[in-house]
Amino acid sequence: MVGLEEHRDAIKGGEVVNELQTTLSQASDDSRSLCQNVKKYHKIVYMTFGLTSAILLYGYDNVIVGTVSGMPEFQ
């Protein structure tokens, strides 16, 4: 029974450590400038811009095809 309670305390202590690490990480992210965060998280920034531009360009493509096919020169 003693081992089980020690294990529970270790889990609770680990949760406290994880919460502290998360808080410290968020505080350090908040203290950095935008450029510093972009340099740190460059993969996330590239993925975000890539997905966003793909979605926007897909919608733009549908509009352009409809507009061009409606022109007398392309009918």
PDB file of N, CA and C in Angstrom:
ATOM      1  N   MET A   1       0.814  -1.201   0.000  1.00  0.00           N
ATOM      2  CA  MET A   1       0.000   0.000   0.000  1.00  0.00           C
ATOM      3  C   MET A   1       0.853   1.259   0.000  1.00  0.00           C
ATOM      4  N   VAL A   2       2.004   1.193   0.653  1.00  0.00           N
ATOM      5  CA  VAL A   2       2.870   2.364   0.706  1.00  0.00           C
ATOM      6  C   VAL A   2       3.399   2.695  -0.685  1.00  0.00           C
ATOM      7  N   GLY A   3       3.752   1.679  -1.470  1.00  0.00           N
ATOM      8  CA  GLY A   3       4.273   1.901  -2.815  1.00  0.00           C
ATOM      9  C   GLY A   3       3.250   2.573  -3.712  1.00  0.00           C
ATOM     10  N   LEU A   4       1.977   2.206  -3.521  1.00  0.00           N
ATOM     11  CA  LEU A   4       0.919   2.790  -4.337  1.00  0.00           C
ATOM     12  C   LEU A   4       0.764   4.272  -4.037  1.00  0.00           C
ATOM     13  N   GLU A   5       0.831   4.645  -2.774  1.00  0.00           N
ATOM     14  CA  GLU A   5       0.697   6.058  -2.417  1.00  0.00           C
ATOM     15  C   GLU A   5       1.904   6.860  -2.891  1.00  0.00           C
ATOM     16  N   GLU A   6       3.086   6.273  -2.846  1.00  0.00           N
ATOM     17  CA  GLU A   6       4.263   6.965  -3.370  1.00  0.00           C
ATOM     18  C   GLU A   6       4.121   7.186  -4.878  1.00  0.00           C
ATOM     19  N   HIS A   7       3.565   6.178  -5.550  1.00  0.00           N
ATOM     20  CA  HIS A   7       3.351   6.295  -6.999  1.00  0.00           C
ATOM     21  C   HIS A   7       2.356   7.408  -7.302  1.00  0.00           C
ATOM     22  N   ARG A   8       1.293   7.487  -6.522  1.00  0.00           N
ATOM     23  CA  ARG A   8       0.299   8.553  -6.707  1.00  0.00           C
ATOM     24  C   ARG A   8       0.925   9.922  -6.494  1.00  0.00           C
ATOM     25  N   ASP A   9       1.761  10.044  -5.454  1.00  0.00           N
ATOM     26  CA  ASP A   9       2.433  11.319  -5.194  1.00  0.00           C
ATOM     27  C   ASP A   9       3.382  11.683  -6.338  1.00  0.00           C
ATOM     28  N   ALA A  10       4.062  10.688  -6.896  1.00  0.00           N
ATOM     29  CA  ALA A  10       4.972  10.952  -8.013  1.00  0.00           C
ATOM     30  C   ALA A  10       4.188  11.439  -9.229  1.00  0.00           C
ATOM     31  N   ILE A  11       3.016  10.838  -9.463  1.00  0.00           N
ATOM     32  CA  ILE A  11       2.183  11.265 -10.590  1.00  0.00           C
ATOM     33  C   ILE A  11       1.723  12.695 -10.371  1.00  0.00           C
ATOM     34  N   LYS A  12       1.271  12.996  -9.156  1.00  0.00           N
ATOM     35  CA  LYS A  12       0.833  14.357  -8.864  1.00  0.00           C
ATOM     36  C   LYS A  12       1.999  15.332  -8.997  1.00  0.00           C
ATOM     37  N   GLY A  13       3.166  14.941  -8.532  1.00  0.00           N
ATOM     38  CA  GLY A  13       4.342  15.786  -8.663  1.00  0.00           C
ATOM     39  C   GLY A  13       4.701  16.002 -10.120  1.00  0.00           C
ATOM     40  N   GLY A  14       4.560  14.964 -10.950  1.00  0.00           N
ATOM     41  CA  GLY A  14       4.824  15.083 -12.372  1.00  0.00           C
ATOM     42  C   GLY A  14       3.856  16.030 -13.038  1.00  0.00           C
ATOM     43  N   GLU A  15       2.609  15.990 -12.599  1.00  0.00           N
ATOM     44  CA  GLU A  15       1.618  16.908 -13.162  1.00  0.00           C
ATOM     45  C   GLU A  15       1.981  18.352 -12.829  1.00  0.00           C
ATOM     46  N   VAL A  16       2.467  18.558 -11.611  1.00  0.00           N
ATOM     47  CA  VAL A  16       2.872  19.906 -11.206  1.00  0.00           C
ATOM     48  C   VAL A  16       4.053  20.361 -12.055  1.00  0.00           C
ATOM     49  N   VAL A  17       5.004  19.480 -12.292  1.00  0.00           N
ATOM     50  CA  VAL A  17       6.170  19.817 -13.109  1.00  0.00           C
ATOM     51  C   VAL A  17       5.724  20.138 -14.536  1.00  0.00           C
ATOM     52  N   ASN A  18       4.809  19.332 -15.103  1.00  0.00           N
ATOM     53  CA  ASN A  18       4.329  19.592 -16.459  1.00  0.00           C
ATOM     54  C   ASN A  18       3.604  20.931 -16.543  1.00  0.00           C
ATOM     55  N   GLU A  19       2.793  21.239 -15.535  1.00  0.00           N
ATOM     56  CA  GLU A  19       2.094  22.523 -15.522  1.00  0.00           C
ATOM     57  C   GLU A  19       3.080  23.680 -15.415  1.00  0.00           C
ATOM     58  N   LEU A  20       4.113  23.499 -14.610  1.00  0.00           N
ATOM     59  CA  LEU A  20       5.131  24.538 -14.456  1.00  0.00           C
ATOM     60  C   LEU A  20       5.899  24.736 -15.756  1.00  0.00           C
ATOM     61  N   GLN A  21       6.261  23.636 -16.436  1.00  0.00           N
ATOM     62  CA  GLN A  21       6.962  23.744 -17.708  1.00  0.00           C
ATOM     63  C   GLN A  21       6.091  24.435 -18.751  1.00  0.00           C
ATOM     64  N   THR A  22       4.803  24.110 -18.781  1.00  0.00           N
ATOM     65  CA  THR A  22       3.885  24.740 -19.725  1.00  0.00           C
ATOM     66  C   THR A  22       3.781  26.233 -19.448  1.00  0.00           C
ATOM     67  N   THR A  23       3.667  26.596 -18.183  1.00  0.00           N
ATOM     68  CA  THR A  23       3.572  28.007 -17.809  1.00  0.00           C
ATOM     69  C   THR A  23       4.838  28.763 -18.186  1.00  0.00           C
ATOM     70  N   LEU A  24       5.999  28.166 -17.922  1.00  0.00           N
ATOM     71  CA  LEU A  24       7.265  28.812 -18.274  1.00  0.00           C
ATOM     72  C   LEU A  24       7.410  28.943 -19.783  1.00  0.00           C
ATOM     73  N   SER A  25       6.990  27.926 -20.526  1.00  0.00           N
ATOM     74  CA  SER A  25       7.074  27.981 -21.986  1.00  0.00           C
ATOM     75  C   SER A  25       6.179  29.077 -22.545  1.00  0.00           C
ATOM     76  N   GLN A  26       4.973  29.190 -22.003  1.00  0.00           N
ATOM     77  CA  GLN A  26       4.060  30.235 -22.463  1.00  0.00           C
ATOM     78  C   GLN A  26       4.598  31.615 -22.109  1.00  0.00           C
ATOM     79  N   ALA A  27       5.197  31.744 -20.946  1.00  0.00           N
ATOM     80  CA  ALA A  27       5.756  33.035 -20.539  1.00  0.00           C
ATOM     81  C   ALA A  27       6.917  33.422 -21.447  1.00  0.00           C
ATOM     82  N   SER A  28       7.751  32.455 -21.820  1.00  0.00           N
ATOM     83  CA  SER A  28       8.875  32.783 -22.697  1.00  0.00           C
ATOM     84  C   SER A  28       8.383  33.090 -24.107  1.00  0.00           C
ATOM     85  N   ASP A  29       7.309  32.427 -24.574  1.00  0.00           N
ATOM     86  CA  ASP A  29       6.739  32.745 -25.880  1.00  0.00           C
ATOM     87  C   ASP A  29       6.139  34.145 -25.881  1.00  0.00           C
ATOM     88  N   ASP A  30       5.530  34.538 -24.786  1.00  0.00           N
ATOM     89  CA  ASP A  30       4.932  35.865 -24.695  1.00  0.00           C
ATOM     90  C   ASP A  30       5.994  36.963 -24.650  1.00  0.00           C
ATOM     91  N   SER A  31       7.151  36.659 -24.106  1.00  0.00           N
ATOM     92  CA  SER A  31       8.192  37.682 -23.990  1.00  0.00           C
ATOM     93  C   SER A  31       8.973  37.860 -25.291  1.00  0.00           C
ATOM     94  N   ARG A  32       8.880  36.902 -26.218  1.00  0.00           N
ATOM     95  CA  ARG A  32       9.585  37.014 -27.499  1.00  0.00           C
ATOM     96  C   ARG A  32       8.811  37.876 -28.474  1.00  0.00           C
ATOM     97  N   SER A  33       9.528  38.446 -29.436  1.00  0.00           N
ATOM     98  CA  SER A  33       8.870  39.237 -30.477  1.00  0.00           C
ATOM     99  C   SER A  33       8.296  38.297 -31.536  1.00  0.00           C
ATOM    100  N   LEU A  34       7.525  38.868 -32.455  1.00  0.00           N
ATOM    101  CA  LEU A  34       6.921  38.073 -33.520  1.00  0.00           C
ATOM    102  C   LEU A  34       7.996  37.415 -34.381  1.00  0.00           C
ATOM    103  N   CYS A  35       9.023  38.164 -34.723  1.00  0.00           N
ATOM    104  CA  CYS A  35      10.099  37.615 -35.560  1.00  0.00           C
ATOM    105  C   CYS A  35      10.815  36.461 -34.864  1.00  0.00           C
ATOM    106  N   GLN A  36      11.031  36.571 -33.572  1.00  0.00           N
ATOM    107  CA  GLN A  36      11.698  35.504 -32.830  1.00  0.00           C
ATOM    108  C   GLN A  36      10.830  34.251 -32.779  1.00  0.00           C
ATOM    109  N   ASN A  37       9.527  34.426 -32.599  1.00  0.00           N
ATOM    110  CA  ASN A  37       8.631  33.272 -32.598  1.00  0.00           C
ATOM    111  C   ASN A  37       8.533  32.634 -33.972  1.00  0.00           C
ATOM    112  N   VAL A  38       8.571  33.440 -35.034  1.00  0.00           N
ATOM    113  CA  VAL A  38       8.543  32.885 -36.391  1.00  0.00           C
ATOM    114  C   VAL A  38       9.807  32.072 -36.637  1.00  0.00           C
ATOM    115  N   LYS A  39      10.946  32.569 -36.166  1.00  0.00           N
ATOM    116  CA  LYS A  39      12.197  31.814 -36.321  1.00  0.00           C
ATOM    117  C   LYS A  39      12.152  30.509 -35.535  1.00  0.00           C
ATOM    118  N   LYS A  40      11.552  30.535 -34.358  1.00  0.00           N
ATOM    119  CA  LYS A  40      11.502  29.329 -33.536  1.00  0.00           C
ATOM    120  C   LYS A  40      10.521  28.316 -34.116  1.00  0.00           C
ATOM    121  N   TYR A  41       9.369  28.772 -34.578  1.00  0.00           N
ATOM    122  CA  TYR A  41       8.326  27.880 -35.064  1.00  0.00           C
ATOM    123  C   TYR A  41       8.170  27.998 -36.572  1.00  0.00           C
ATOM    124  N   HIS A  42       9.289  28.010 -37.319  1.00  0.00           N
ATOM    125  CA  HIS A  42       9.238  28.226 -38.760  1.00  0.00           C
ATOM    126  C   HIS A  42       8.477  27.133 -39.504  1.00  0.00           C
ATOM    127  N   LYS A  43       8.529  25.897 -39.050  1.00  0.00           N
ATOM    128  CA  LYS A  43       7.801  24.823 -39.731  1.00  0.00           C
ATOM    129  C   LYS A  43       6.288  25.041 -39.632  1.00  0.00           C
ATOM    130  N   ILE A  44       5.836  25.456 -38.480  1.00  0.00           N
ATOM    131  CA  ILE A  44       4.403  25.704 -38.287  1.00  0.00           C
ATOM    132  C   ILE A  44       3.958  26.885 -39.147  1.00  0.00           C
ATOM    133  N   VAL A  45       4.787  27.920 -39.222  1.00  0.00           N
ATOM    134  CA  VAL A  45       4.450  29.091 -40.034  1.00  0.00           C
ATOM    135  C   VAL A  45       4.347  28.708 -41.503  1.00  0.00           C
ATOM    136  N   TYR A  46       5.316  27.920 -42.009  1.00  0.00           N
ATOM    137  CA  TYR A  46       5.280  27.498 -43.409  1.00  0.00           C
ATOM    138  C   TYR A  46       4.054  26.641 -43.698  1.00  0.00           C
ATOM    139  N   MET A  47       3.744  25.723 -42.807  1.00  0.00           N
ATOM    140  CA  MET A  47       2.566  24.864 -43.017  1.00  0.00           C
ATOM    141  C   MET A  47       1.285  25.698 -43.014  1.00  0.00           C
ATOM    142  N   THR A  48       1.199  26.656 -42.116  1.00  0.00           N
ATOM    143  CA  THR A  48       0.009  27.498 -42.032  1.00  0.00           C
ATOM    144  C   THR A  48      -0.175  28.322 -43.292  1.00  0.00           C
ATOM    145  N   PHE A  49       0.899  28.968 -43.754  1.00  0.00           N
ATOM    146  CA  PHE A  49       0.800  29.757 -44.978  1.00  0.00           C
ATOM    147  C   PHE A  49       0.510  28.873 -46.188  1.00  0.00           C
ATOM    148  N   GLY A  50       1.109  27.709 -46.237  1.00  0.00           N
ATOM    149  CA  GLY A  50       0.871  26.802 -47.350  1.00  0.00           C
ATOM    150  C   GLY A  50      -0.571  26.341 -47.423  1.00  0.00           C
ATOM    151  N   LEU A  51      -1.118  25.907 -46.300  1.00  0.00           N
ATOM    152  CA  LEU A  51      -2.505  25.444 -46.284  1.00  0.00           C
ATOM    153  C   LEU A  51      -3.484  26.589 -46.545  1.00  0.00           C
ATOM    154  N   THR A  52      -3.222  27.736 -45.958  1.00  0.00           N
ATOM    155  CA  THR A  52      -4.103  28.883 -46.155  1.00  0.00           C
ATOM    156  C   THR A  52      -4.114  29.325 -47.612  1.00  0.00           C
ATOM    157  N   SER A  53      -2.940  29.417 -48.223  1.00  0.00           N
ATOM    158  CA  SER A  53      -2.893  29.839 -49.616  1.00  0.00           C
ATOM    159  C   SER A  53      -3.518  28.795 -50.527  1.00  0.00           C
ATOM    160  N   ALA A  54      -3.365  27.514 -50.220  1.00  0.00           N
ATOM    161  CA  ALA A  54      -3.999  26.476 -51.037  1.00  0.00           C
ATOM    162  C   ALA A  54      -5.513  26.591 -50.986  1.00  0.00           C
ATOM    163  N   ILE A  55      -6.057  26.816 -49.817  1.00  0.00           N
ATOM    164  CA  ILE A  55      -7.513  26.955 -49.673  1.00  0.00           C
ATOM    165  C   ILE A  55      -8.008  28.192 -50.398  1.00  0.00           C
ATOM    166  N   LEU A  56      -7.320  29.310 -50.224  1.00  0.00           N
ATOM    167  CA  LEU A  56      -7.747  30.550 -50.874  1.00  0.00           C
ATOM    168  C   LEU A  56      -7.611  30.470 -52.396  1.00  0.00           C
ATOM    169  N   LEU A  57      -6.528  29.892 -52.871  1.00  0.00           N
ATOM    170  CA  LEU A  57      -6.332  29.796 -54.310  1.00  0.00           C
ATOM    171  C   LEU A  57      -7.307  28.818 -54.960  1.00  0.00           C
ATOM    172  N   TYR A  58      -7.732  27.789 -54.231  1.00  0.00           N
ATOM    173  CA  TYR A  58      -8.734  26.869 -54.765  1.00  0.00           C
ATOM    174  C   TYR A  58     -10.055  27.610 -54.988  1.00  0.00           C
ATOM    175  N   GLY A  59     -10.461  28.427 -54.046  1.00  0.00           N
ATOM    176  CA  GLY A  59     -11.680  29.222 -54.204  1.00  0.00           C
ATOM    177  C   GLY A  59     -11.534  30.255 -55.298  1.00  0.00           C
ATOM    178  N   TYR A  60     -10.371  30.861 -55.401  1.00  0.00           N
ATOM    179  CA  TYR A  60     -10.116  31.857 -56.436  1.00  0.00           C
ATOM    180  C   TYR A  60     -10.140  31.200 -57.816  1.00  0.00           C
ATOM    181  N   ASP A  61      -9.620  29.977 -57.907  1.00  0.00           N
ATOM    182  CA  ASP A  61      -9.611  29.240 -59.164  1.00  0.00           C
ATOM    183  C   ASP A  61     -11.033  28.991 -59.657  1.00  0.00           C
ATOM    184  N   ASN A  62     -11.926  28.621 -58.762  1.00  0.00           N
ATOM    185  CA  ASN A  62     -13.321  28.390 -59.155  1.00  0.00           C
ATOM    186  C   ASN A  62     -13.961  29.667 -59.703  1.00  0.00           C
ATOM    187  N   VAL A  63     -13.676  30.790 -59.117  1.00  0.00           N
ATOM    188  CA  VAL A  63     -14.242  32.059 -59.571  1.00  0.00           C
ATOM    189  C   VAL A  63     -13.675  32.430 -60.942  1.00  0.00           C
ATOM    190  N   ILE A  64     -12.369  32.282 -61.107  1.00  0.00           N
ATOM    191  CA  ILE A  64     -11.721  32.645 -62.373  1.00  0.00           C
ATOM    192  C   ILE A  64     -12.232  31.764 -63.513  1.00  0.00           C
ATOM    193  N   VAL A  65     -12.344  30.469 -63.290  1.00  0.00           N
ATOM    194  CA  VAL A  65     -12.812  29.572 -64.349  1.00  0.00           C
ATOM    195  C   VAL A  65     -14.234  29.940 -64.759  1.00  0.00           C
ATOM    196  N   GLY A  66     -15.075  30.249 -63.785  1.00  0.00           N
ATOM    197  CA  GLY A  66     -16.443  30.656 -64.099  1.00  0.00           C
ATOM    198  C   GLY A  66     -16.503  31.973 -64.848  1.00  0.00           C
ATOM    199  N   THR A  67     -15.663  32.887 -64.469  1.00  0.00           N
ATOM    200  CA  THR A  67     -15.641  34.200 -65.121  1.00  0.00           C
ATOM    201  C   THR A  67     -15.095  34.107 -66.546  1.00  0.00           C
ATOM    202  N   VAL A  68     -14.018  33.380 -66.725  1.00  0.00           N
ATOM    203  CA  VAL A  68     -13.389  33.251 -68.040  1.00  0.00           C
ATOM    204  C   VAL A  68     -14.311  32.500 -68.992  1.00  0.00           C
ATOM    205  N   SER A  69     -14.968  31.447 -68.514  1.00  0.00           N
ATOM    206  CA  SER A  69     -15.858  30.694 -69.403  1.00  0.00           C
ATOM    207  C   SER A  69     -17.095  31.491 -69.773  1.00  0.00           C
ATOM    208  N   GLY A  70     -17.394  32.541 -69.036  1.00  0.00           N
ATOM    209  CA  GLY A  70     -18.528  33.399 -69.367  1.00  0.00           C
ATOM    210  C   GLY A  70     -18.195  34.493 -70.351  1.00  0.00           C
ATOM    211  N   MET A  71     -16.905  34.703 -70.643  1.00  0.00           N
ATOM    212  CA  MET A  71     -16.498  35.732 -71.604  1.00  0.00           C
ATOM    213  C   MET A  71     -16.776  35.268 -73.028  1.00  0.00           C
ATOM    214  N   PRO A  72     -17.201  36.186 -73.892  1.00  0.00           N
ATOM    215  CA  PRO A  72     -17.514  35.796 -75.282  1.00  0.00           C
ATOM    216  C   PRO A  72     -16.301  35.221 -76.029  1.00  0.00           C
ATOM    217  N   GLU A  73     -15.105  35.687 -75.727  1.00  0.00           N
ATOM    218  CA  GLU A  73     -13.914  35.187 -76.426  1.00  0.00           C
ATOM    219  C   GLU A  73     -13.643  33.713 -76.140  1.00  0.00           C
ATOM    220  N   PHE A  74     -14.088  33.228 -74.988  1.00  0.00           N
ATOM    221  CA  PHE A  74     -13.779  31.850 -74.593  1.00  0.00           C
ATOM    222  C   PHE A  74     -14.999  30.929 -74.689  1.00  0.00           C
ATOM    223  N   GLN A  75     -16.052  31.349 -75.313  1.00  0.00           N
ATOM    224  CA  GLN A  75     -17.237  30.489 -75.414  1.00  0.00           C
ATOM    225  C   GLN A  75     -17.197  29.653 -76.657  1.00  0.00           C
TER     226      GLN A  75
END
